[in-house]
Amino acid sequence: MNAQKQDYRGYTIAVTAAKDHDDLWDFEYHIAKDDATVALKRSADVTRSQTMGGHATPDVARLAGWEVAKTEVDNLLALDEK
């Protein structure tokens, strides 16, 4: 399944839904800082996935992925402010 991208607070979030072994849907997300150079992007990028639980549809899995990724971006920004 193709990743869907969204810009959020200076970062680009790409979320992909994937079917797990119980016919439920999980997600993987990738966070990249928008203004970083290509060399810096690779070290600053974050990729995470949810492999437990599961969601009934790919749309719900993507929505859950967006929310988790947005929380991580908020946390990264809060750490930068200190």
Protein backbone atom coordinates (compact mmCIF):
# COMPACT_ATOMS: atom_id res chain seq x y z
CA MET A 1 0.00 0.00 0.00
CA ASN A 2 1.28 3.50 -0.80
CA ALA A 3 2.33 5.96 1.87
CA GLN A 4 0.18 9.03 2.35
CA LYS A 5 2.08 12.21 3.20
CA GLN A 6 1.15 15.23 5.25
CA ASP A 7 3.10 18.31 6.36
CA TYR A 8 2.94 19.09 10.06
CA ARG A 9 4.81 21.84 11.94
CA GLY A 10 7.90 21.79 9.71
CA TYR A 11 8.03 18.02 9.24
CA THR A 12 6.70 15.67 6.57
CA ILE A 13 4.91 12.60 7.90
CA ALA A 14 4.35 9.58 5.63
CA VAL A 15 2.01 6.86 6.94
CA THR A 16 1.50 3.44 5.39
CA ALA A 17 -1.13 0.91 6.43
CA ALA A 18 -0.23 -2.78 6.27
CA LYS A 19 -2.28 -5.89 6.92
CA ASP A 20 -1.01 -8.01 9.78
CA HIS A 21 -1.31 -11.75 10.36
CA ASP A 22 -4.75 -11.52 12.04
CA ASP A 23 -6.38 -9.72 9.07
CA LEU A 24 -6.22 -6.46 10.98
CA TRP A 25 -4.37 -3.33 9.89
CA ASP A 26 -1.25 -1.83 11.45
CA PHE A 27 0.77 1.20 10.39
CA GLU A 28 4.28 2.44 9.80
CA TYR A 29 5.21 6.11 9.76
CA HIS A 30 8.23 8.07 8.67
CA ILE A 31 9.02 11.59 9.90
CA ALA A 32 11.44 13.87 8.03
CA LYS A 33 12.33 17.48 8.78
CA ASP A 34 11.27 19.65 5.82
CA ASP A 35 14.16 22.12 5.78
CA ALA A 36 17.06 19.73 6.40
CA THR A 37 19.59 19.03 3.69
CA VAL A 38 19.62 15.54 2.20
CA ALA A 39 22.70 14.53 4.22
CA LEU A 40 21.20 15.75 7.47
CA LYS A 41 17.77 14.34 6.71
CA ARG A 42 18.92 10.76 6.88
CA SER A 43 20.26 11.14 10.42
CA ALA A 44 17.25 13.18 11.59
CA ASP A 45 14.58 10.95 10.04
CA VAL A 46 12.43 8.75 12.28
CA THR A 47 10.65 5.55 11.22
CA ARG A 48 8.38 3.63 13.57
CA SER A 49 5.64 1.04 13.28
CA GLN A 50 2.81 -0.41 15.29
CA THR A 51 2.78 -4.18 15.25
CA MET A 52 0.42 -4.98 18.10
CA GLY A 53 -3.29 -4.40 18.43
CA GLY A 54 -4.55 -3.75 14.94
CA HIS A 55 -7.31 -1.75 13.33
CA ALA A 56 -10.39 -2.80 11.36
CA THR A 57 -9.61 -0.86 8.17
CA PRO A 58 -6.55 0.68 6.50
CA ASP A 59 -8.09 4.16 6.88
CA VAL A 60 -8.38 3.76 10.64
CA ALA A 61 -4.81 2.44 10.82
CA ARG A 62 -3.53 5.47 8.86
CA LEU A 63 -5.49 7.85 11.10
CA ALA A 64 -3.95 6.21 14.18
CA GLY A 65 -0.52 6.51 12.54
CA TRP A 66 -1.04 10.23 11.87
CA GLU A 67 -1.98 10.87 15.49
CA VAL A 68 1.00 8.97 16.90
CA ALA A 69 3.41 10.65 14.46
CA LYS A 70 2.02 14.12 15.24
CA THR A 71 2.55 13.47 18.95
CA GLU A 72 6.14 12.47 18.23
CA VAL A 73 6.70 15.67 16.21
CA ASP A 74 5.25 17.73 19.08
CA ASN A 75 7.64 15.98 21.46
CA LEU A 76 10.63 16.60 19.16
CA LEU A 77 9.74 20.30 18.96
CA ALA A 78 9.34 20.53 22.73
CA LEU A 79 12.79 18.99 23.21
CA ASP A 80 14.29 21.49 20.75
CA GLU A 81 12.87 24.39 22.77
CA LYS A 82 14.78 23.42 25.92
